[in-house]
C-alpha atoms as a PDB file:
ATOM      1  CA  PHE A   1    -144.224 -94.846  38.160  1.00  0.00           C
ATOM      2  CA  PHE A   2    -143.711 -96.231  41.471  1.00  0.00           C
ATOM      3  CA  ARG A   3    -140.801 -95.679  43.926  1.00  0.00           C
ATOM      4  CA  SER A   4    -140.311 -97.665  47.091  1.00  0.00           C
ATOM      5  CA  PHE A   5    -137.416 -95.697  47.882  1.00  0.00           C
ATOM      6  CA  GLN A   6    -134.995 -93.680  45.775  1.00  0.00           C
ATOM      7  CA  GLY A   7    -131.092 -93.133  46.629  1.00  0.00           C
ATOM      8  CA  TRP A   8    -128.161 -92.049  44.450  1.00  0.00           C
ATOM      9  CA  LEU A   9    -123.908 -92.931  44.373  1.00  0.00           C
ATOM     10  CA  ALA A  10    -121.309 -90.672  44.322  1.00  0.00           C
ATOM     11  CA  LEU A  11    -119.259 -91.209  41.105  1.00  0.00           C
ATOM     12  CA  THR A  12    -117.055 -88.385  42.945  1.00  0.00           C
ATOM     13  CA  PRO A  13    -116.038 -86.660  45.966  1.00  0.00           C
ATOM     14  CA  GLN A  14    -118.329 -83.988  47.005  1.00  0.00           C
ATOM     15  CA  GLY A  15    -120.062 -81.973  49.903  1.00  0.00           C
ATOM     16  CA  PRO A  16    -121.595 -78.838  50.609  1.00  0.00           C
ATOM     17  CA  GLY A  17    -121.181 -75.902  47.797  1.00  0.00           C
ATOM     18  CA  ASP A  18    -120.563 -78.499  45.495  1.00  0.00           C
ATOM     19  CA  GLY A  19    -123.332 -78.746  43.775  1.00  0.00           C
ATOM     20  CA  THR A  20    -124.718 -81.421  45.751  1.00  0.00           C
ATOM     21  CA  LEU A  21    -128.204 -83.167  47.056  1.00  0.00           C
ATOM     22  CA  GLU A  22    -130.298 -80.924  49.729  1.00  0.00           C
ATOM     23  CA  VAL A  23    -132.907 -82.389  51.153  1.00  0.00           C
ATOM     24  CA  VAL A  24    -135.939 -81.450  53.717  1.00  0.00           C
ATOM     25  CA  PRO A  25    -135.307 -83.883  56.761  1.00  0.00           C
ATOM     26  CA  MET A  26    -138.657 -84.346  57.871  1.00  0.00           C
ATOM     27  CA  VAL A  27    -141.534 -86.439  55.895  1.00  0.00           C
ATOM     28  CA  ALA A  28    -144.671 -86.765  57.555  1.00  0.00           C
ATOM     29  CA  ASP A  29    -144.688 -82.898  58.624  1.00  0.00           C
ATOM     30  CA  ALA A  30    -142.869 -81.208  55.537  1.00  0.00           C
ATOM     31  CA  MET A  31    -145.654 -83.614  53.152  1.00  0.00           C
ATOM     32  CA  ALA A  32    -148.630 -82.078  55.648  1.00  0.00           C
ATOM     33  CA  TYR A  33    -147.549 -78.637  54.814  1.00  0.00           C
ATOM     34  CA  VAL A  34    -147.177 -79.731  50.785  1.00  0.00           C
ATOM     35  CA  LEU A  35    -150.524 -81.452  50.163  1.00  0.00           C
ATOM     36  CA  LEU A  36    -152.688 -78.780  52.718  1.00  0.00           C
ATOM     37  CA  ARG A  37    -150.666 -75.304  50.870  1.00  0.00           C
ATOM     38  CA  PRO A  38    -153.423 -75.274  47.837  1.00  0.00           C
ATOM     39  CA  PHE A  39    -155.880 -74.667  50.370  1.00  0.00           C
ATOM     40  CA  LYS A  40    -154.485 -71.447  52.267  1.00  0.00           C
ATOM     41  CA  GLU A  41    -156.589 -68.396  51.074  1.00  0.00           C
ATOM     42  CA  ASP A  42    -153.764 -66.780  48.960  1.00  0.00           C
ATOM     43  CA  VAL A  43    -153.626 -69.228  46.798  1.00  0.00           C
ATOM     44  CA  PRO A  44    -155.886 -69.087  43.409  1.00  0.00           C
ATOM     45  CA  HIS A  45    -158.768 -71.949  43.137  1.00  0.00           C
ATOM     46  CA  HIS A  46    -157.427 -72.911  40.046  1.00  0.00           C
ATOM     47  CA  GLN A  47    -154.242 -72.939  41.196  1.00  0.00           C
ATOM     48  CA  PHE A  48    -152.279 -76.494  43.093  1.00  0.00           C
ATOM     49  CA  CYS A  49    -148.829 -75.184  43.970  1.00  0.00           C
ATOM     50  CA  GLY A  50    -146.267 -76.216  42.026  1.00  0.00           C
ATOM     51  CA  VAL A  51    -148.052 -79.037  39.488  1.00  0.00           C
ATOM     52  CA  THR A  52    -147.923 -76.376  36.466  1.00  0.00           C
ATOM     53  CA  GLU A  53    -144.527 -75.425  36.988  1.00  0.00           C
ATOM     54  CA  THR A  54    -142.824 -78.573  36.442  1.00  0.00           C
ATOM     55  CA  SER A  55    -141.904 -80.505  33.590  1.00  0.00           C
ATOM     56  CA  GLY A  56    -141.935 -83.856  34.947  1.00  0.00           C
ATOM     57  CA  VAL A  57    -145.810 -85.551  34.680  1.00  0.00           C
ATOM     58  CA  ASP A  58    -145.458 -87.464  37.846  1.00  0.00           C
ATOM     59  CA  THR A  59    -143.787 -84.875  40.090  1.00  0.00           C
ATOM     60  CA  LEU A  60    -144.299 -81.821  42.143  1.00  0.00           C
ATOM     61  CA  GLU A  61    -142.292 -78.666  42.521  1.00  0.00           C
ATOM     62  CA  ILE A  62    -141.561 -77.618  45.695  1.00  0.00           C
ATOM     63  CA  THR A  63    -140.985 -74.066  44.786  1.00  0.00           C
ATOM     64  CA  GLU A  64    -139.732 -70.796  46.756  1.00  0.00           C
ATOM     65  CA  LYS A  65    -142.946 -68.805  45.460  1.00  0.00           C
ATOM     66  CA  TRP A  66    -145.492 -71.181  47.422  1.00  0.00           C
ATOM     67  CA  HIS A  67    -143.176 -73.570  49.972  1.00  0.00           C
ATOM     68  CA  GLY A  68    -140.383 -70.552  50.971  1.00  0.00           C
ATOM     69  CA  ALA A  69    -141.497 -71.350  54.745  1.00  0.00           C
ATOM     70  CA  ILE A  70    -140.527 -75.358  54.553  1.00  0.00           C
ATOM     71  CA  LEU A  71    -137.344 -74.843  52.041  1.00  0.00           C
ATOM     72  CA  LYS A  72    -136.198 -72.830  55.419  1.00  0.00           C
ATOM     73  CA  ALA A  73    -135.343 -76.496  56.765  1.00  0.00           C
ATOM     74  CA  LYS A  74    -133.378 -77.124  53.394  1.00  0.00           C
ATOM     75  CA  ILE A  75    -129.629 -78.762  53.784  1.00  0.00           C
ATOM     76  CA  PRO A  76    -127.131 -80.751  52.132  1.00  0.00           C
ATOM     77  CA  ILE A  77    -126.346 -83.929  52.761  1.00  0.00           C
ATOM     78  CA  GLY A  78    -122.300 -83.884  54.145  1.00  0.00           C
ATOM     79  CA  SER A  79    -118.957 -84.577  52.220  1.00  0.00           C
ATOM     80  CA  VAL A  80    -118.677 -88.151  50.427  1.00  0.00           C
ATOM     81  CA  ASP A  81    -116.285 -90.515  48.743  1.00  0.00           C
ATOM     82  CA  THR A  82    -116.417 -91.933  45.710  1.00  0.00           C
ATOM     83  CA  GLY A  83    -118.549 -95.160  45.970  1.00  0.00           C
ATOM     84  CA  ASP A  84    -120.212 -93.635  48.827  1.00  0.00           C
ATOM     85  CA  SER A  85    -124.368 -93.793  48.521  1.00  0.00           C
ATOM     86  CA  VAL A  86    -127.207 -91.796  49.910  1.00  0.00           C
ATOM     87  CA  TRP A  87    -130.949 -93.444  50.321  1.00  0.00           C
ATOM     88  CA  TRP A  88    -134.335 -91.486  50.909  1.00  0.00           C
ATOM     89  CA  HIS A  89    -137.729 -92.096  51.680  1.00  0.00           C
ATOM     90  CA  PRO A  90    -139.387 -90.798  48.043  1.00  0.00           C
ATOM     91  CA  ASP A  91    -141.970 -88.618  50.295  1.00  0.00           C
ATOM     92  CA  VAL A  92    -138.555 -86.794  51.663  1.00  0.00           C
ATOM     93  CA  ILE A  93    -138.069 -82.871  49.470  1.00  0.00           C
ATOM     94  CA  HIS A  94    -135.276 -83.595  47.756  1.00  0.00           C
ATOM     95  CA  GLY A  95    -133.035 -81.680  45.176  1.00  0.00           C
ATOM     96  CA  VAL A  96    -129.507 -80.317  44.291  1.00  0.00           C
ATOM     97  CA  GLU A  97    -127.812 -77.801  45.153  1.00  0.00           C
ATOM     98  CA  ALA A  98    -128.433 -74.548  42.646  1.00  0.00           C
ATOM     99  CA  GLU A  99    -125.336 -73.594  42.113  1.00  0.00           C
ATOM    100  CA  HIS A 100    -121.688 -75.403  41.793  1.00  0.00           C
ATOM    101  CA  LYS A 101    -119.264 -73.595  43.700  1.00  0.00           C
ATOM    102  CA  GLY A 102    -116.539 -75.944  43.957  1.00  0.00           C
ATOM    103  CA  ASN A 103    -113.088 -77.049  42.170  1.00  0.00           C
ATOM    104  CA  GLN A 104    -114.071 -80.392  40.429  1.00  0.00           C
ATOM    105  CA  TYR A 105    -116.704 -82.278  38.697  1.00  0.00           C
ATOM    106  CA  SER A 106    -120.130 -83.572  41.188  1.00  0.00           C
ATOM    107  CA  ASN A 107    -121.212 -86.570  39.498  1.00  0.00           C
ATOM    108  CA  VAL A 108    -123.696 -89.532  40.671  1.00  0.00           C
ATOM    109  CA  LEU A 109    -126.078 -91.793  39.985  1.00  0.00           C
ATOM    110  CA  TYR A 110    -129.710 -92.010  40.463  1.00  0.00           C
ATOM    111  CA  ILE A 111    -130.734 -95.245  41.634  1.00  0.00           C
ATOM    112  CA  PRO A 112    -134.686 -95.450  42.052  1.00  0.00           C
ATOM    113  CA  SER A 113    -136.032 -98.501  43.662  1.00  0.00           C
ATOM    114  CA  ALA A 114    -139.062 -99.730  41.622  1.00  0.00           C
ATOM    115  CA  PRO A 115    -140.301-102.710  43.126  1.00  0.00           C
ATOM    116  CA  MET A 116    -142.213-105.074  40.418  1.00  0.00           C
ATOM    117  CA  CYS A 117    -146.249-104.436  40.485  1.00  0.00           C
ATOM    118  CA  LEU A 118    -148.868-103.255  37.581  1.00  0.00           C
ATOM    119  CA  GLN A 119    -148.649-100.028  38.061  1.00  0.00           C
ATOM    120  CA  ASN A 120    -144.603-100.188  37.028  1.00  0.00           C
ATOM    121  CA  ALA A 121    -145.328-103.263  34.483  1.00  0.00           C
ATOM    122  CA  LYS A 122    -148.154-100.525  32.494  1.00  0.00           C
ATOM    123  CA  TYR A 123    -145.217 -98.233  32.863  1.00  0.00           C
ATOM    124  CA  LEU A 124    -142.493-100.347  31.916  1.00  0.00           C
ATOM    125  CA  LYS A 125    -144.473-100.970  28.732  1.00  0.00           C
ATOM    126  CA  LYS A 126    -144.778 -97.049  27.731  1.00  0.00           C
ATOM    127  CA  GLN A 127    -140.850 -96.531  28.903  1.00  0.00           C
ATOM    128  CA  SER A 128    -139.948 -99.427  26.716  1.00  0.00           C
ATOM    129  CA  GLN A 129    -141.235 -97.981  23.170  1.00  0.00           C
ATOM    130  CA  ALA A 130    -140.511 -94.822  24.023  1.00  0.00           C
ATOM    131  CA  PHE A 131    -136.796 -96.079  24.621  1.00  0.00           C
ATOM    132  CA  LEU A 132    -137.155 -97.776  21.277  1.00  0.00           C
ATOM    133  CA  ASP A 133    -137.894 -94.808  19.271  1.00  0.00           C
ATOM    134  CA  GLY A 134    -135.073 -92.562  21.614  1.00  0.00           C
ATOM    135  CA  LYS A 135    -137.310 -90.646  23.390  1.00  0.00           C
ATOM    136  CA  PRO A 136    -136.914 -89.987  26.558  1.00  0.00           C
ATOM    137  CA  PRO A 137    -139.622 -91.451  29.308  1.00  0.00           C
ATOM    138  CA  PRO A 138    -142.855 -91.093  29.869  1.00  0.00           C
ATOM    139  CA  ASP A 139    -141.892 -89.330  33.159  1.00  0.00           C
ATOM    140  CA  PHE A 140    -139.888 -86.956  31.777  1.00  0.00           C
ATOM    141  CA  PRO A 141    -140.984 -86.401  28.700  1.00  0.00           C
ATOM    142  CA  ASP A 142    -139.317 -83.067  28.031  1.00  0.00           C
ATOM    143  CA  ARG A 143    -135.847 -83.842  28.928  1.00  0.00           C
ATOM    144  CA  MET A 144    -134.058 -84.726  25.275  1.00  0.00           C
ATOM    145  CA  PHE A 145    -130.268 -85.082  26.112  1.00  0.00           C
ATOM    146  CA  MET A 146    -129.228 -87.442  23.509  1.00  0.00           C
ATOM    147  CA  GLU A 147    -129.637 -87.466  19.679  1.00  0.00           C
ATOM    148  CA  ARG A 148    -131.873 -90.611  18.111  1.00  0.00           C
ATOM    149  CA  ASP A 149    -128.421 -91.728  16.527  1.00  0.00           C
ATOM    150  CA  SER A 150    -126.911 -92.039  19.804  1.00  0.00           C
ATOM    151  CA  TRP A 151    -129.736 -94.679  20.564  1.00  0.00           C
ATOM    152  CA  LYS A 152    -129.592 -96.781  17.736  1.00  0.00           C
ATOM    153  CA  ASP A 153    -127.360 -99.409  18.898  1.00  0.00           C
ATOM    154  CA  ALA A 154    -128.649 -99.201  22.950  1.00  0.00           C
ATOM    155  CA  PRO A 155    -131.019-102.219  22.637  1.00  0.00           C
ATOM    156  CA  SER A 156    -128.290-104.427  21.482  1.00  0.00           C
ATOM    157  CA  SER A 157    -125.749-103.855  23.951  1.00  0.00           C
ATOM    158  CA  LEU A 158    -127.587-104.426  26.568  1.00  0.00           C
ATOM    159  CA  THR A 159    -127.280-107.155  29.191  1.00  0.00           C
ATOM    160  CA  LEU A 160    -130.618-109.924  29.779  1.00  0.00           C
ATOM    161  CA  ALA A 161    -130.617-107.845  32.912  1.00  0.00           C
ATOM    162  CA  GLY A 162    -130.575-104.341  31.390  1.00  0.00           C
ATOM    163  CA  ARG A 163    -133.572-105.930  29.152  1.00  0.00           C
ATOM    164  CA  ARG A 164    -135.477-107.169  31.401  1.00  0.00           C
ATOM    165  CA  GLN A 165    -135.251-103.450  32.960  1.00  0.00           C
ATOM    166  CA  MET A 166    -136.528-102.111  29.723  1.00  0.00           C
ATOM    167  CA  ALA A 167    -139.191-104.722  29.146  1.00  0.00           C
ATOM    168  CA  LEU A 168    -137.708-105.618  26.141  1.00  0.00           C
ATOM    169  CA  ASP A 169    -137.232-109.299  27.695  1.00  0.00           C
ATOM    170  CA  PRO A 170    -140.108-110.983  30.048  1.00  0.00           C
ATOM    171  CA  PHE A 171    -139.288-111.262  33.448  1.00  0.00           C
ATOM    172  CA  MET A 172    -138.881-114.856  34.466  1.00  0.00           C
ATOM    173  CA  GLU A 173    -139.248-116.861  37.547  1.00  0.00           C
ATOM    174  CA  ASP A 174    -135.510-116.957  38.098  1.00  0.00           C
ATOM    175  CA  ALA A 175    -135.719-112.840  38.528  1.00  0.00           C
ATOM    176  CA  LEU A 176    -137.138-114.147  41.892  1.00  0.00           C
ATOM    177  CA  SER A 177    -135.530-114.285  44.944  1.00  0.00           C
ATOM    178  CA  PRO A 178    -135.833-117.683  46.942  1.00  0.00           C
ATOM    179  CA  SER A 179    -138.611-117.866  49.739  1.00  0.00           C
ATOM    180  CA  GLU A 180    -139.176-120.582  52.059  1.00  0.00           C
ATOM    181  CA  ASP A 181    -143.068-119.789  52.239  1.00  0.00           C
ATOM    182  CA  PRO A 182    -144.575-122.025  49.203  1.00  0.00           C
ATOM    183  CA  GLU A 183    -147.791-118.991  49.435  1.00  0.00           C
ATOM    184  CA  ASP A 184    -145.230-116.282  49.269  1.00  0.00           C
ATOM    185  CA  SER A 185    -143.644-117.832  46.258  1.00  0.00           C
ATOM    186  CA  ALA A 186    -147.191-118.664  44.367  1.00  0.00           C
ATOM    187  CA  ARG A 187    -148.419-115.205  45.135  1.00  0.00           C
ATOM    188  CA  ARG A 188    -144.846-113.696  43.226  1.00  0.00           C
ATOM    189  CA  ARG A 189    -144.861-116.153  40.932  1.00  0.00           C
ATOM    190  CA  GLU A 190    -149.078-115.108  40.333  1.00  0.00           C
ATOM    191  CA  LEU A 191    -147.881-111.388  40.363  1.00  0.00           C
ATOM    192  CA  LEU A 192    -145.014-111.572  38.016  1.00  0.00           C
ATOM    193  CA  LEU A 193    -147.182-113.951  35.507  1.00  0.00           C
ATOM    194  CA  GLU A 194    -149.822-110.562  35.670  1.00  0.00           C
ATOM    195  CA  CYS A 195    -147.307-108.047  35.493  1.00  0.00           C
ATOM    196  CA  ASN A 196    -145.520-110.060  31.985  1.00  0.00           C
ATOM    197  CA  ARG A 197    -149.503-110.196  30.829  1.00  0.00           C
ATOM    198  CA  ILE A 198    -149.447-106.476  30.345  1.00  0.00           C
ATOM    199  CA  MET A 199    -145.694-106.092  29.215  1.00  0.00           C
ATOM    200  CA  PHE A 200    -145.864-108.913  26.737  1.00  0.00           C
ATOM    201  CA  PRO A 201    -149.646-109.593  25.706  1.00  0.00           C
ATOM    202  CA  THR A 202    -149.062-111.868  22.976  1.00  0.00           C
ATOM    203  CA  LEU A 203    -146.401-113.846  24.703  1.00  0.00           C
ATOM    204  CA  PHE A 204    -148.096-114.270  28.310  1.00  0.00           C
ATOM    205  CA  ARG A 205    -151.947-114.703  26.802  1.00  0.00           C
ATOM    206  CA  PRO A 206    -154.647-115.719  29.649  1.00  0.00           C
ATOM    207  CA  ALA A 207    -155.539-119.643  29.514  1.00  0.00           C
ATOM    208  CA  SER A 208    -158.118-120.426  27.099  1.00  0.00           C
ATOM    209  CA  SER A 209    -161.562-121.199  28.807  1.00  0.00           C
ATOM    210  CA  THR A 210    -163.677-124.467  28.231  1.00  0.00           C
ATOM    211  CA  SER A 211    -166.853-125.047  29.494  1.00  0.00           C
ATOM    212  CA  GLY A 212    -166.622-121.740  31.646  1.00  0.00           C
ATOM    213  CA  SER A 213    -164.010-123.023  33.181  1.00  0.00           C
ATOM    214  CA  ARG A 214    -159.717-121.706  33.435  1.00  0.00           C
ATOM    215  CA  ALA A 215    -157.958-123.958  32.109  1.00  0.00           C
ATOM    216  CA  PRO A 216    -154.732-125.395  34.832  1.00  0.00           C
ATOM    217  CA  LYS A 217    -152.470-122.749  35.720  1.00  0.00           C
ATOM    218  CA  VAL A 218    -149.465-124.678  35.462  1.00  0.00           C
ATOM    219  CA  ALA A 219    -149.841-124.974  31.469  1.00  0.00           C
ATOM    220  CA  VAL A 220    -150.008-121.401  31.313  1.00  0.00           C
ATOM    221  CA  ARG A 221    -146.871-120.861  33.087  1.00  0.00           C
ATOM    222  CA  ALA A 222    -145.271-123.943  30.852  1.00  0.00           C
ATOM    223  CA  GLU A 223    -146.699-122.172  27.557  1.00  0.00           C
ATOM    224  CA  VAL A 224    -145.070-119.194  28.462  1.00  0.00           C
ATOM    225  CA  ALA A 225    -142.079-120.211  29.176  1.00  0.00           C
ATOM    226  CA  ALA A 226    -141.741-121.807  26.091  1.00  0.00           C
ATOM    227  CA  ASN A 227    -142.422-118.285  24.080  1.00  0.00           C
ATOM    228  CA  ALA A 228    -140.398-116.715  25.863  1.00  0.00           C
ATOM    229  CA  GLU A 229    -137.279-118.875  25.932  1.00  0.00           C
ATOM    230  CA  VAL A 230    -137.705-118.065  22.092  1.00  0.00           C
ATOM    231  CA  ALA A 231    -137.133-114.202  22.728  1.00  0.00           C
ATOM    232  CA  VAL A 232    -134.637-114.133  25.194  1.00  0.00           C
END
């Protein structure tokens, strides 16, 4: 799952000591340290310093055991009010304070930015099935916070935007932001079509070819639009 940047929205006032966000405010230096750490002499050959300790399948856990030196640079964000948002580069080392020492709730809404691309379309196809089965998403397979009965009515309560985000309905061209560059618009439409083919292979079939030549792309889009209209 590719995140171009990450962030969260504060639902309650909070600050240092409230179990809030912590970051190591360096990207290049910290990532160089983390990636080169397994090659130090004190690390066993089979160990990649944090991969086996994490429950997620696409994360690298930054731990005191292997990364104690870099964690000394970890600091909490400043005080925020309800409605404030914080954004960071996806390679920034981040987490939450280990202990909540405040007197009030500390709630946030996590917001990863996930651009439409082939990699994320493949992930969405797997996430969609997990959602319908009432299971956690593929990148957090061990984090089951809700029982299956709590999810049974969830798909029917989603808006069109929500259904698209969960790969229950296709992304049509109305989801694309306008562009004044015709070539850019054409590239994005083509990418959207390829992503829809991954997520909805029965609706978005490649055009059949005759005599070794491919049918016009406009015919493919017309067929897709007609089929997707029924699905939506």
